[in-house]
Every structure is written in C-alpha cells, then in structure tokens.
C-alpha cells in the first residue's frame, strides 16, 4: 500500500512512490552531522514493509530507529568528501532503508549486515542531478527506499554480500569518498547516543543550507524593524554549500527557488515566511521579489566554513538606504538539536502541510495516531483513505 495514491502495490512500489513524494517539497528531516535526510528513504521503506508484513507499531519503530542509526553513522564516516560528487540521501539512504527492511523481515545481525552490503551496490545519485536542472532529485529518495527494500528482501532470503563492502580498498567508501571512510568518527558514542535523537526538523520549505541566513534575517528584522523597501543590500556570508548550492540567481521553477538563497531571502522579507506559499506560482511570479534578488550577495566565510558540517552558521550585513549598516552573526539554525522547534511549532508545521490534503477532523485523528502510537494499520488506513478521497 502507498499513501500517495491509496492503491495497493508491492512494498517496493510503495517505497518508491512514498520516498519520492516525501522529498519533493524539501521539508524532510536532517541529520546535521552527516548532511543526510534519513526520513524519506528509511521511513518510506519501513512503512511499506511493515504494512506488508502486518508488523506491530513497536517493530515499525525499532526498524526506523535501526535504519536511522546505521544510515546516519555511515554518513558521518563518508563525509564531508562524499558530498562533493554524491547526493548522500540517495546513497546512504539506500542502506538505511535496507536495515529497516531486514529488521522487519526478522533478519539476524548477520542478515542485516548482508542487507547493507547488498544495498551498497545499489546506492547512487550524483550531485549534478541535485544541483543542476531537471526533476530527478526527489526520485533519488524514492529509488533509495525501493532499492533498500530490495536489498533487505534479498538478504532475508539468504542472498549475501561482501563483508568488506563499505570499508575494503575497493568498497563503497573508497569509491565515493576520500580514503576508505572515517569509521572511528562514525562509531563515536555508540551505545551512548542514538542518531534519531539528534535530528533537525525543518522550519522552512527549502534547502537546509539556506536556514541560517533566514534565521538571521528574522532576528535582524525583529530587532531593527526594517521593511524590504528600506534595504539597499544584503550580504550573506556562509560555508561551502551556501555558495556552491544556494548562490542561485536563475530561478525558473519552484525547485530552483528552494535552492536559491537570493529568492528565499527576498520571499522571507516580502511575505514573512518561507513555507509552502513561498513556492506557489503566484509568489514565484511576484515582480517585487524578483527585483529584490539582485540586492542579495552570497559569499563564503573561511571561519564559518571551517566549522561546517558540525555547525551551520551565517554572518549577515544589511545596508539600509539611509546608509546605516547592520551586522548579525547567526550561530545556529532553528530546528537543529541545539535550537529545536517547540511542540507548538511542529504542530503548526503539521497543520500547514496537511491543509488542503486532509480535512480538519482527519488531520487531527492522524496527528493523534502519530503522537500516541496507535496500531500501524490505523495510521496507514487514515492516510490512504483520506488521500484517495482528496
């Protein structure tokens, strides 16, 4: 079953559609230390397999936690060099999905290891299809979920992979990053903390590398009370991907806009938010937002770059038409573990994302299912029935 179209299908089919849909509007969670979005591939795979197997909520939760733990720690071991050419959610997400699948299929530790090894042969998704033109990026997550399910199902049936698939001289780390992986970093704190407890929840519907700048603009606007018409120039100084991915003036689509710091900064100043409405055709077509983009300058700051990826920071300099220059250093991103969203803010985000898809009663019931841990079939049925009727 898949919640996207409400139709019955194989776990692989459901994982593909759910994973793709979950990444389309750039609202999925982030594991900051690995630059990785575990939720779309891992939960999409686990949800599909759990329903096919008739699994309990406890089994589903354990599988999700296990998929997060393995995927996030592999991400740490591969980064930062892996991200130079590879979309890590597409690659490592395949392994996280494989772990969840193998756990739900009752695999032993050895079987789970084989699932990871098999998944490493399926793991792809390069940066050109993340940064360049086209619509492939969300499919990266769908493919990762589907391929992870295939790897987990294969391992459950006895198919094996090489024990050195990740760290051998010709293994995955060697093929996709510098060296054979920093496994000491990946395993640091094992049995002391879990990756799923260190997640970032997005406060904006755009690339996470844009968040520190938006947080900084919000803070400056509250303190100084300026309007867009008061601003002559906005300088945004960030880390590597702030420039390499998000310094984007050519915005032809909502997908481009979600990766344009210039557009998102202009949209925030003119509309007060960077959520769903910021990427509607009406907002994308606004002349005032488009004209303001020319006033936003994006550069890399060596000190901020050195703190990446453990810290996602920004330094802003806003010059007003009056000649007054305002500066601000943004040390965190709202939604990161050290600056988390409150429950009220998470519910506000949930309400916005479900509006227009579920009626108010159905949205409330689904929220209760998620928060109280009712049996998984109930959660799936609410989703599929309401989305099928929408």
Protein backbone atom coordinates (compact mmCIF):
# COMPACT_ATOMS: atom_id res chain seq x y z
CA UNK A 1 0.00 0.00 0.00
CA UNK A 2 1.18 3.54 -0.69
CA UNK A 3 -0.18 6.70 0.88
CA UNK A 4 0.48 8.73 -2.29
CA UNK A 5 -2.25 7.17 -4.43
CA UNK A 6 -4.04 4.97 -1.91
CA UNK A 7 -3.63 1.95 -4.17
CA UNK A 8 -2.40 -1.50 -3.25
CA UNK A 9 1.01 -2.46 -4.54
CA UNK A 10 4.22 -4.25 -3.66
CA UNK A 11 6.44 -2.90 -0.86
CA UNK A 12 8.99 -1.82 -3.47
CA UNK A 13 6.35 0.12 -5.41
CA UNK A 14 5.04 1.78 -2.26
CA UNK A 15 8.54 2.66 -1.07
CA UNK A 16 9.39 4.23 -4.44
CA UNK A 17 6.32 6.46 -4.55
CA UNK A 18 6.37 7.38 -0.87
CA UNK A 19 10.09 8.15 -0.87
CA UNK A 20 9.79 10.37 -3.92
CA UNK A 21 6.76 12.24 -2.56
CA UNK A 22 8.40 12.70 0.85
CA UNK A 23 11.35 14.60 -0.63
CA UNK A 24 9.55 16.69 -3.23
CA UNK A 25 8.87 19.85 -1.22
CA UNK A 26 12.11 19.82 0.81
CA UNK A 27 10.52 19.50 4.24
CA UNK A 28 12.10 16.20 5.36
CA UNK A 29 14.32 15.88 8.42
CA UNK A 30 18.11 16.34 8.50
CA UNK A 31 20.94 14.60 10.33
CA UNK A 32 23.21 17.61 10.52
CA UNK A 33 26.48 15.80 11.26
CA UNK A 34 26.14 13.74 8.11
CA UNK A 35 24.34 16.22 5.84
CA UNK A 36 21.77 13.47 5.37
CA UNK A 37 17.95 13.26 5.17
CA UNK A 38 17.20 9.84 6.68
CA UNK A 39 13.43 10.10 6.94
CA UNK A 40 12.36 9.94 3.30
CA UNK A 41 14.13 6.70 2.33
CA UNK A 42 14.09 4.98 5.73
CA UNK A 43 10.52 5.62 6.86
CA UNK A 44 9.13 5.12 3.35
CA UNK A 45 10.72 1.68 3.19
CA UNK A 46 9.80 0.73 6.75
CA UNK A 47 6.19 1.83 6.36
CA UNK A 48 5.76 -0.19 3.16
CA UNK A 49 7.34 -3.35 4.55
CA UNK A 50 5.63 -3.05 7.94
CA UNK A 51 2.24 -2.92 6.31
CA UNK A 52 3.04 -5.83 4.00
CA UNK A 53 4.22 -7.89 6.96
CA UNK A 54 1.44 -6.83 9.33
CA UNK A 55 4.09 -5.62 11.77
CA UNK A 56 3.37 -4.11 15.16
CA UNK A 57 3.98 -0.44 15.90
CA UNK A 58 6.88 -1.45 18.14
CA UNK A 59 8.51 -3.42 15.32
CA UNK A 60 7.99 -0.50 12.94
CA UNK A 61 9.52 1.98 15.38
CA UNK A 62 12.50 -0.29 16.07
CA UNK A 63 13.12 -0.70 12.35
CA UNK A 64 13.01 3.06 11.77
CA UNK A 65 15.40 3.68 14.68
CA UNK A 66 17.75 0.98 13.39
CA UNK A 67 17.70 2.37 9.87
CA UNK A 68 18.41 5.86 11.16
CA UNK A 69 21.25 4.64 13.38
CA UNK A 70 23.10 2.76 10.67
CA UNK A 71 22.48 5.29 7.92
CA UNK A 72 23.47 8.31 9.98
CA UNK A 73 26.67 6.70 11.22
CA UNK A 74 27.68 5.65 7.71
CA UNK A 75 27.01 9.24 6.62
CA UNK A 76 29.41 10.55 9.28
CA UNK A 77 32.08 8.11 8.13
CA UNK A 78 31.79 9.16 4.47
CA UNK A 79 31.55 12.91 4.95
CA UNK A 80 32.48 15.57 4.07
CA UNK A 81 34.24 14.34 0.90
CA UNK A 82 31.37 12.09 -0.24
CA UNK A 83 29.10 15.09 -0.73
CA UNK A 84 31.46 16.59 -3.29
CA UNK A 85 30.04 14.35 -6.03
CA UNK A 86 27.29 12.30 -4.40
CA UNK A 87 23.83 13.08 -3.01
CA UNK A 88 24.21 11.35 0.34
CA UNK A 89 20.49 10.89 0.94
CA UNK A 90 20.28 8.95 -2.32
CA UNK A 91 23.31 6.82 -1.49
CA UNK A 92 23.31 6.19 2.25
CA UNK A 93 19.52 6.29 2.28
CA UNK A 94 19.60 3.01 0.37
CA UNK A 95 21.46 1.40 3.26
CA UNK A 96 19.19 2.87 5.92
CA UNK A 97 16.16 1.53 4.05
CA UNK A 98 17.83 -1.87 3.75
CA UNK A 99 18.39 -2.05 7.50
CA UNK A 100 14.75 -1.20 8.26
CA UNK A 101 13.55 -3.80 5.78
CA UNK A 102 15.86 -6.51 7.09
CA UNK A 103 14.80 -5.84 10.68
CA UNK A 104 11.11 -6.07 9.79
CA UNK A 105 11.81 -9.33 7.96
CA UNK A 106 13.34 -10.75 11.13
CA UNK A 107 16.92 -10.94 9.91
CA UNK A 108 19.73 -11.69 12.34
CA UNK A 109 22.65 -9.30 12.78
CA UNK A 110 24.45 -11.21 10.04
CA UNK A 111 21.45 -10.88 7.74
CA UNK A 112 21.25 -7.13 8.38
CA UNK A 113 24.96 -6.85 7.54
CA UNK A 114 24.34 -8.61 4.25
CA UNK A 115 21.45 -6.24 3.53
CA UNK A 116 23.80 -3.28 3.99
CA UNK A 117 26.40 -4.89 1.76
CA UNK A 118 23.87 -5.61 -0.97
CA UNK A 119 22.46 -2.08 -0.72
CA UNK A 120 25.93 -0.59 -1.23
CA UNK A 121 25.84 -1.94 -4.79
CA UNK A 122 22.55 -0.15 -5.48
CA UNK A 123 23.44 3.19 -3.88
CA UNK A 124 23.68 6.03 -6.41
CA UNK A 125 22.60 9.59 -7.09
CA UNK A 126 25.13 12.26 -8.11
CA UNK A 127 25.37 15.96 -7.38
CA UNK A 128 24.60 17.15 -10.90
CA UNK A 129 21.06 15.83 -10.52
CA UNK A 130 20.86 17.61 -7.17
CA UNK A 131 22.35 20.96 -8.17
CA UNK A 132 21.61 21.06 -11.88
CA UNK A 133 18.46 21.31 -13.94
CA UNK A 134 15.76 18.66 -14.03
CA UNK A 135 13.38 16.92 -11.66
CA UNK A 136 15.45 13.91 -10.62
CA UNK A 137 16.34 14.86 -7.03
CA UNK A 138 13.13 13.64 -5.32
CA UNK A 139 13.42 10.36 -7.22
CA UNK A 140 16.79 9.85 -5.54
CA UNK A 141 14.94 9.23 -2.27
CA UNK A 142 12.31 7.07 -3.91
CA UNK A 143 14.97 4.93 -5.53
CA UNK A 144 16.89 4.70 -2.25
CA UNK A 145 13.76 3.44 -0.47
CA UNK A 146 12.91 0.95 -3.22
CA UNK A 147 16.46 -0.33 -3.64
CA UNK A 148 16.83 -0.65 0.13
CA UNK A 149 13.68 -2.76 0.26
CA UNK A 150 15.09 -4.98 -2.49
CA UNK A 151 18.37 -5.37 -0.59
CA UNK A 152 16.58 -6.22 2.66
CA UNK A 153 14.26 -8.72 0.99
CA UNK A 154 17.21 -10.36 -0.76
CA UNK A 155 19.14 -10.68 2.49
CA UNK A 156 16.09 -12.18 4.19
CA UNK A 157 16.05 -14.88 1.50
CA UNK A 158 19.71 -15.71 2.06
CA UNK A 159 21.48 -13.58 -0.55
CA UNK A 160 24.88 -12.47 0.74
CA UNK A 161 27.19 -9.54 0.13
CA UNK A 162 30.87 -8.98 0.79
CA UNK A 163 31.69 -8.23 4.46
CA UNK A 164 34.06 -5.52 3.21
CA UNK A 165 31.51 -3.76 1.04
CA UNK A 166 31.81 -0.50 2.98
CA UNK A 167 35.45 -0.25 4.08
CA UNK A 168 37.54 -2.52 1.84
CA UNK A 169 40.08 -0.95 -0.58
CA UNK A 170 37.55 -1.34 -3.41
CA UNK A 171 34.49 -0.84 -1.20
CA UNK A 172 31.86 1.86 -1.13
CA UNK A 173 33.77 4.43 0.91
CA UNK A 174 36.85 4.12 -1.30
CA UNK A 175 34.71 4.50 -4.41
CA UNK A 176 32.76 7.54 -3.25
CA UNK A 177 34.88 9.48 -0.74
CA UNK A 178 38.47 10.23 0.22
CA UNK A 179 40.13 7.10 1.63
CA UNK A 180 38.15 4.16 2.96
CA UNK A 181 35.97 6.06 5.42
CA UNK A 182 36.39 7.62 8.86
CA UNK A 183 34.79 4.75 10.76
CA UNK A 184 36.18 5.90 14.11
CA UNK A 185 34.11 9.07 13.75
CA UNK A 186 31.11 7.10 12.55
CA UNK A 187 31.16 4.83 15.58
CA UNK A 188 31.94 7.52 18.16
CA UNK A 189 29.44 7.49 21.02
CA UNK A 190 28.00 4.13 20.05
CA UNK A 191 25.69 2.92 22.87
CA UNK A 192 25.82 6.43 24.38
CA UNK A 193 23.51 8.30 21.99
CA UNK A 194 21.26 7.45 19.10
CA UNK A 195 21.15 9.31 15.80
CA UNK A 196 17.38 9.67 15.75
CA UNK A 197 17.60 11.77 18.92
CA UNK A 198 19.82 14.32 17.14
CA UNK A 199 17.63 15.25 14.21
CA UNK A 200 16.95 18.65 12.68
CA UNK A 201 13.33 19.44 11.81
CA UNK A 202 12.98 21.95 9.01
CA UNK A 203 11.39 25.28 9.77
CA UNK A 204 11.44 26.35 6.13
CA UNK A 205 10.47 24.57 2.91
CA UNK A 206 13.83 24.97 1.20
CA UNK A 207 17.40 23.70 1.25
CA UNK A 208 18.77 23.47 4.80
CA UNK A 209 21.92 25.38 3.83
CA UNK A 210 19.72 28.47 3.49
CA UNK A 211 18.31 28.27 7.02
CA UNK A 212 21.00 30.19 8.99
CA UNK A 213 20.61 33.20 6.73
CA UNK A 214 16.82 33.17 7.05
CA UNK A 215 17.07 32.86 10.84
CA UNK A 216 19.49 35.78 10.86
CA UNK A 217 17.20 37.95 8.72
CA UNK A 218 14.29 37.17 11.04
CA UNK A 219 16.34 38.14 14.09
CA UNK A 220 17.54 41.38 12.49
CA UNK A 221 14.06 42.34 11.34
CA UNK A 222 12.65 41.84 14.85
CA UNK A 223 15.42 43.91 16.40
CA UNK A 224 15.59 46.74 13.87
CA UNK A 225 12.12 46.81 12.32
CA UNK A 226 13.08 47.42 8.69
CA UNK A 227 10.97 46.64 5.62
CA UNK A 228 12.20 45.41 2.22
CA UNK A 229 11.90 48.92 0.83
CA UNK A 230 14.39 50.14 3.44
CA UNK A 231 17.16 47.79 2.26
CA UNK A 232 19.88 48.67 -0.24
CA UNK A 233 21.88 45.42 0.04
CA UNK A 234 22.01 42.13 1.95
CA UNK A 235 25.37 40.38 2.29
CA UNK A 236 25.20 36.73 3.37
CA UNK A 237 28.46 35.05 4.38
CA UNK A 238 28.25 31.30 4.86
CA UNK A 239 30.03 27.96 4.40
CA UNK A 240 30.86 25.99 1.25
CA UNK A 241 27.41 24.71 0.18
CA UNK A 242 25.86 28.09 0.98
CA UNK A 243 27.67 29.26 -2.12
CA UNK A 244 28.13 26.13 -4.24
CA UNK A 245 24.49 25.02 -3.97
CA UNK A 246 22.45 28.04 -2.92
CA UNK A 247 24.01 31.03 -4.70
CA UNK A 248 21.43 30.83 -7.46
CA UNK A 249 20.02 33.77 -9.37
CA UNK A 250 18.47 31.77 -12.22
CA UNK A 251 15.12 30.71 -10.75
CA UNK A 252 12.79 29.20 -13.32
CA UNK A 253 10.78 26.83 -11.11
CA UNK A 254 9.78 26.08 -7.52
CA UNK A 255 12.59 23.54 -7.44
CA UNK A 256 15.12 26.26 -8.38
CA UNK A 257 13.62 28.62 -5.82
CA UNK A 258 14.07 26.12 -2.99
CA UNK A 259 17.81 26.16 -3.68
CA UNK A 260 18.19 29.91 -4.21
CA UNK A 261 19.31 31.93 -1.21
CA UNK A 262 18.53 35.09 -3.14
CA UNK A 263 14.94 34.03 -3.77
CA UNK A 264 14.31 32.68 -0.28
CA UNK A 265 15.73 35.79 1.40
CA UNK A 266 13.59 38.01 -0.82
CA UNK A 267 10.49 35.89 -0.22
CA UNK A 268 11.01 35.99 3.55
CA UNK A 269 11.34 39.75 3.58
CA UNK A 270 8.29 40.29 1.38
CA UNK A 271 5.93 37.59 2.68
CA UNK A 272 7.17 36.88 6.20
CA UNK A 273 7.62 33.11 5.68
CA UNK A 274 9.34 30.52 3.53
CA UNK A 275 6.87 27.68 3.65
CA UNK A 276 4.52 26.21 1.05
CA UNK A 277 3.09 29.51 -0.19
CA UNK A 278 6.54 30.91 -0.93
CA UNK A 279 6.85 28.49 -3.84
CA UNK A 280 3.37 28.86 -5.32
CA UNK A 281 3.11 30.14 -8.91
CA UNK A 282 1.67 33.41 -7.61
CA UNK A 283 4.62 34.09 -5.30
CA UNK A 284 7.19 32.89 -7.82
CA UNK A 285 5.80 35.41 -10.29
CA UNK A 286 5.97 38.43 -8.00
CA UNK A 287 7.98 41.25 -9.57
CA UNK A 288 8.96 42.79 -6.22
CA UNK A 289 10.55 39.53 -5.01
CA UNK A 290 12.37 39.01 -8.30
CA UNK A 291 13.71 42.57 -8.32
CA UNK A 292 14.93 42.29 -4.71
CA UNK A 293 17.04 39.20 -5.51
CA UNK A 294 19.64 41.46 -7.17
CA UNK A 295 20.29 43.06 -3.77
CA UNK A 296 21.35 39.76 -2.14
CA UNK A 297 25.06 38.88 -2.30
CA UNK A 298 26.28 35.43 -1.20
CA UNK A 299 29.91 34.68 -0.28
CA UNK A 300 31.89 32.12 1.69
CA UNK A 301 33.39 32.97 5.09
CA UNK A 302 36.52 30.99 5.97
CA UNK A 303 35.80 30.82 9.69
CA UNK A 304 32.20 29.71 9.18
CA UNK A 305 33.31 27.20 6.54
CA UNK A 306 35.81 25.68 8.98
CA UNK A 307 33.00 24.96 11.46
CA UNK A 308 30.94 23.07 8.83
CA UNK A 309 29.36 20.47 8.97
CA UNK A 310 29.10 20.38 12.78
CA UNK A 311 27.87 23.98 12.75
CA UNK A 312 25.64 25.63 10.13
CA UNK A 313 26.15 29.37 10.61
CA UNK A 314 25.86 32.65 8.77
CA UNK A 315 27.09 36.23 9.10
CA UNK A 316 24.84 38.91 7.66
CA UNK A 317 25.47 42.53 6.78
CA UNK A 318 22.44 44.60 5.77
CA UNK A 319 22.94 48.08 4.38
CA UNK A 320 19.87 50.31 4.58
CA UNK A 321 19.04 53.06 2.10
CA UNK A 322 19.79 55.52 4.88
CA UNK A 323 23.40 54.37 4.92
CA UNK A 324 23.06 52.54 8.24
CA UNK A 325 24.87 49.18 8.25
CA UNK A 326 23.52 46.39 10.48
CA UNK A 327 25.51 43.22 11.22
CA UNK A 328 24.42 39.92 12.74
CA UNK A 329 26.08 36.56 13.40
CA UNK A 330 23.72 33.57 13.35
CA UNK A 331 25.35 30.70 15.32
CA UNK A 332 22.61 28.08 14.88
CA UNK A 333 19.71 27.02 12.69
CA UNK A 334 16.23 26.99 14.15
CA UNK A 335 15.22 23.33 14.24
CA UNK A 336 18.70 21.94 14.91
CA UNK A 337 19.18 19.85 18.10
CA UNK A 338 20.76 22.83 19.88
CA UNK A 339 17.93 25.18 18.80
CA UNK A 340 14.92 22.85 18.43
CA UNK A 341 11.41 23.62 17.27
CA UNK A 342 8.87 23.57 20.09
CA UNK A 343 5.98 21.11 20.01
CA UNK A 344 3.68 24.01 19.17
CA UNK A 345 5.89 24.95 16.20
CA UNK A 346 5.96 21.34 15.00
CA UNK A 347 2.17 21.13 15.19
CA UNK A 348 1.88 24.42 13.29
CA UNK A 349 4.06 22.95 10.54
CA UNK A 350 1.99 19.75 10.53
CA UNK A 351 -1.24 21.71 10.20
CA UNK A 352 0.13 23.66 7.26
CA UNK A 353 1.34 20.54 5.45
CA UNK A 354 -1.94 18.66 5.90
CA UNK A 355 -4.19 21.59 4.98
CA UNK A 356 -5.83 21.01 1.63
CA UNK A 357 -4.92 17.32 1.71
CA UNK A 358 -6.85 16.18 4.78
CA UNK A 359 -9.91 17.78 6.29
CA UNK A 360 -9.51 19.14 9.80
CA UNK A 361 -11.00 16.08 11.51
CA UNK A 362 -8.88 13.61 9.59
CA UNK A 363 -5.74 15.66 10.20
CA UNK A 364 -6.44 15.70 13.93
CA UNK A 365 -7.04 11.94 14.01
CA UNK A 366 -3.84 11.27 12.10
CA UNK A 367 -1.89 13.53 14.42
CA UNK A 368 -3.26 11.60 17.41
CA UNK A 369 -2.26 8.30 15.81
CA UNK A 370 1.28 9.58 15.25
CA UNK A 371 1.62 11.03 18.74
CA UNK A 372 0.02 8.17 20.68
CA UNK A 373 1.45 5.24 18.72
CA UNK A 374 -1.81 3.54 17.82
CA UNK A 375 -1.52 0.39 15.75
CA UNK A 376 0.20 0.94 12.42
CA UNK A 377 -2.71 -0.27 10.23
CA UNK A 378 -4.85 2.51 11.67
CA UNK A 379 -2.25 5.08 10.70
CA UNK A 380 -1.97 3.74 7.17
CA UNK A 381 -5.72 3.49 6.63
CA UNK A 382 -6.32 7.07 7.69
CA UNK A 383 -3.67 8.23 5.26
CA UNK A 384 -4.75 6.18 2.32
CA UNK A 385 -8.49 6.73 2.67
CA UNK A 386 -8.23 10.47 3.03
CA UNK A 387 -5.66 10.92 0.29
CA UNK A 388 -7.63 8.74 -2.06
CA UNK A 389 -10.69 10.92 -1.47
CA UNK A 390 -8.76 14.17 -1.89
